[in-house]
């Protein structure tokens, strides 16, 4: 798997729902369209929360994976 480059990182490890999603939303407000935010999370609910939000807000999930119990998400801000 090729890991995308990213412009901004959010470390939401140890935070529980809804905090990882709120941190992602705040990060996306601070970047330009087309830029990529990488989110690290440990809350399993982030998979569903992020999926629904990304689809509704018309952002792109470039890839996601889990390594050493940390979930990694790469989200490109849409317009």
C-alpha atoms as a PDB file:
ATOM      1  CA  UNK A   1       0.000   0.000   0.000  1.00  0.00           C
ATOM      2  CA  UNK A   2       1.221   3.464  -0.856  1.00  0.00           C
ATOM      3  CA  UNK A   3       0.757   5.926   1.984  1.00  0.00           C
ATOM      4  CA  UNK A   4      -0.431   9.333   0.743  1.00  0.00           C
ATOM      5  CA  UNK A   5       1.436  12.490   1.615  1.00  0.00           C
ATOM      6  CA  UNK A   6      -0.460  14.756   3.981  1.00  0.00           C
ATOM      7  CA  UNK A   7      -0.571  18.448   4.844  1.00  0.00           C
ATOM      8  CA  UNK A   8      -1.890  18.311   8.408  1.00  0.00           C
ATOM      9  CA  UNK A   9      -2.083  15.686  11.150  1.00  0.00           C
ATOM     10  CA  UNK A  10      -4.611  15.166  13.920  1.00  0.00           C
ATOM     11  CA  UNK A  11      -3.626  12.882  16.785  1.00  0.00           C
ATOM     12  CA  UNK A  12      -6.885  11.755  18.356  1.00  0.00           C
ATOM     13  CA  UNK A  13      -5.434   8.677  20.057  1.00  0.00           C
ATOM     14  CA  UNK A  14      -7.022   8.021  23.425  1.00  0.00           C
ATOM     15  CA  UNK A  15     -10.053  10.186  22.640  1.00  0.00           C
ATOM     16  CA  UNK A  16     -13.525   8.696  22.467  1.00  0.00           C
ATOM     17  CA  UNK A  17     -16.499   9.542  20.261  1.00  0.00           C
ATOM     18  CA  UNK A  18     -17.320  12.275  19.334  1.00  0.00           C
ATOM     19  CA  UNK A  19     -13.936  13.933  19.962  1.00  0.00           C
ATOM     20  CA  UNK A  20     -11.997  12.355  17.047  1.00  0.00           C
ATOM     21  CA  UNK A  21     -14.704  13.497  14.633  1.00  0.00           C
ATOM     22  CA  UNK A  22     -14.785  16.997  16.114  1.00  0.00           C
ATOM     23  CA  UNK A  23     -10.983  17.231  15.775  1.00  0.00           C
ATOM     24  CA  UNK A  24     -11.227  16.118  12.130  1.00  0.00           C
ATOM     25  CA  UNK A  25     -13.907  18.716  11.374  1.00  0.00           C
ATOM     26  CA  UNK A  26     -11.813  21.479  12.948  1.00  0.00           C
ATOM     27  CA  UNK A  27      -8.727  20.395  10.993  1.00  0.00           C
ATOM     28  CA  UNK A  28     -10.640  20.396   7.705  1.00  0.00           C
ATOM     29  CA  UNK A  29     -11.824  23.953   8.379  1.00  0.00           C
ATOM     30  CA  UNK A  30      -8.194  25.023   8.640  1.00  0.00           C
ATOM     31  CA  UNK A  31      -6.913  23.552   5.374  1.00  0.00           C
ATOM     32  CA  UNK A  32      -7.505  24.402   1.722  1.00  0.00           C
ATOM     33  CA  UNK A  33      -9.581  22.306  -0.695  1.00  0.00           C
ATOM     34  CA  UNK A  34      -7.478  19.461  -2.033  1.00  0.00           C
ATOM     35  CA  UNK A  35      -5.189  19.280   0.990  1.00  0.00           C
ATOM     36  CA  UNK A  36      -4.921  16.025   2.934  1.00  0.00           C
ATOM     37  CA  UNK A  37      -5.434  15.531   6.665  1.00  0.00           C
ATOM     38  CA  UNK A  38      -4.071  12.426   8.389  1.00  0.00           C
ATOM     39  CA  UNK A  39      -5.950  11.355  11.508  1.00  0.00           C
ATOM     40  CA  UNK A  40      -4.672   8.891  14.100  1.00  0.00           C
ATOM     41  CA  UNK A  41      -7.359   7.407  16.334  1.00  0.00           C
ATOM     42  CA  UNK A  42      -7.834   4.517  18.729  1.00  0.00           C
ATOM     43  CA  UNK A  43     -11.624   4.646  19.099  1.00  0.00           C
ATOM     44  CA  UNK A  44     -13.146   1.911  16.883  1.00  0.00           C
ATOM     45  CA  UNK A  45     -16.263   4.095  16.427  1.00  0.00           C
ATOM     46  CA  UNK A  46     -14.132   6.489  14.345  1.00  0.00           C
ATOM     47  CA  UNK A  47     -14.411   4.130  11.363  1.00  0.00           C
ATOM     48  CA  UNK A  48     -18.175   4.575  11.133  1.00  0.00           C
ATOM     49  CA  UNK A  49     -18.218   8.215  12.294  1.00  0.00           C
ATOM     50  CA  UNK A  50     -15.611   9.291   9.745  1.00  0.00           C
ATOM     51  CA  UNK A  51     -17.194   7.257   6.944  1.00  0.00           C
ATOM     52  CA  UNK A  52     -20.593   8.890   7.333  1.00  0.00           C
ATOM     53  CA  UNK A  53     -19.173  12.395   7.789  1.00  0.00           C
ATOM     54  CA  UNK A  54     -16.772  12.155   4.829  1.00  0.00           C
ATOM     55  CA  UNK A  55     -19.548  10.994   2.518  1.00  0.00           C
ATOM     56  CA  UNK A  56     -22.045  13.635   3.656  1.00  0.00           C
ATOM     57  CA  UNK A  57     -19.496  16.478   3.556  1.00  0.00           C
ATOM     58  CA  UNK A  58     -18.154  15.370   0.152  1.00  0.00           C
ATOM     59  CA  UNK A  59     -14.560  14.847   1.227  1.00  0.00           C
ATOM     60  CA  UNK A  60     -12.491  11.897  -0.044  1.00  0.00           C
ATOM     61  CA  UNK A  61     -11.145   9.074   2.077  1.00  0.00           C
ATOM     62  CA  UNK A  62      -7.898   8.293   0.266  1.00  0.00           C
ATOM     63  CA  UNK A  63      -7.065   5.298   2.440  1.00  0.00           C
ATOM     64  CA  UNK A  64      -7.317   3.965   5.945  1.00  0.00           C
ATOM     65  CA  UNK A  65      -5.589   1.173   7.800  1.00  0.00           C
ATOM     66  CA  UNK A  66      -4.867  -0.119  11.277  1.00  0.00           C
ATOM     67  CA  UNK A  67      -1.380  -0.697  12.656  1.00  0.00           C
ATOM     68  CA  UNK A  68      -0.493  -1.526  16.264  1.00  0.00           C
ATOM     69  CA  UNK A  69      -4.079  -0.752  17.370  1.00  0.00           C
ATOM     70  CA  UNK A  70      -3.955   2.737  15.864  1.00  0.00           C
ATOM     71  CA  UNK A  71      -6.353   3.639  13.071  1.00  0.00           C
ATOM     72  CA  UNK A  72      -4.943   5.853  10.318  1.00  0.00           C
ATOM     73  CA  UNK A  73      -7.191   7.867   7.997  1.00  0.00           C
ATOM     74  CA  UNK A  74      -6.124  10.043   5.066  1.00  0.00           C
ATOM     75  CA  UNK A  75      -8.862  12.499   4.070  1.00  0.00           C
ATOM     76  CA  UNK A  76      -8.679  14.955   1.164  1.00  0.00           C
ATOM     77  CA  UNK A  77     -10.765  18.067   1.704  1.00  0.00           C
ATOM     78  CA  UNK A  78     -13.432  18.440  -0.945  1.00  0.00           C
ATOM     79  CA  UNK A  79     -15.123  21.553  -2.127  1.00  0.00           C
END
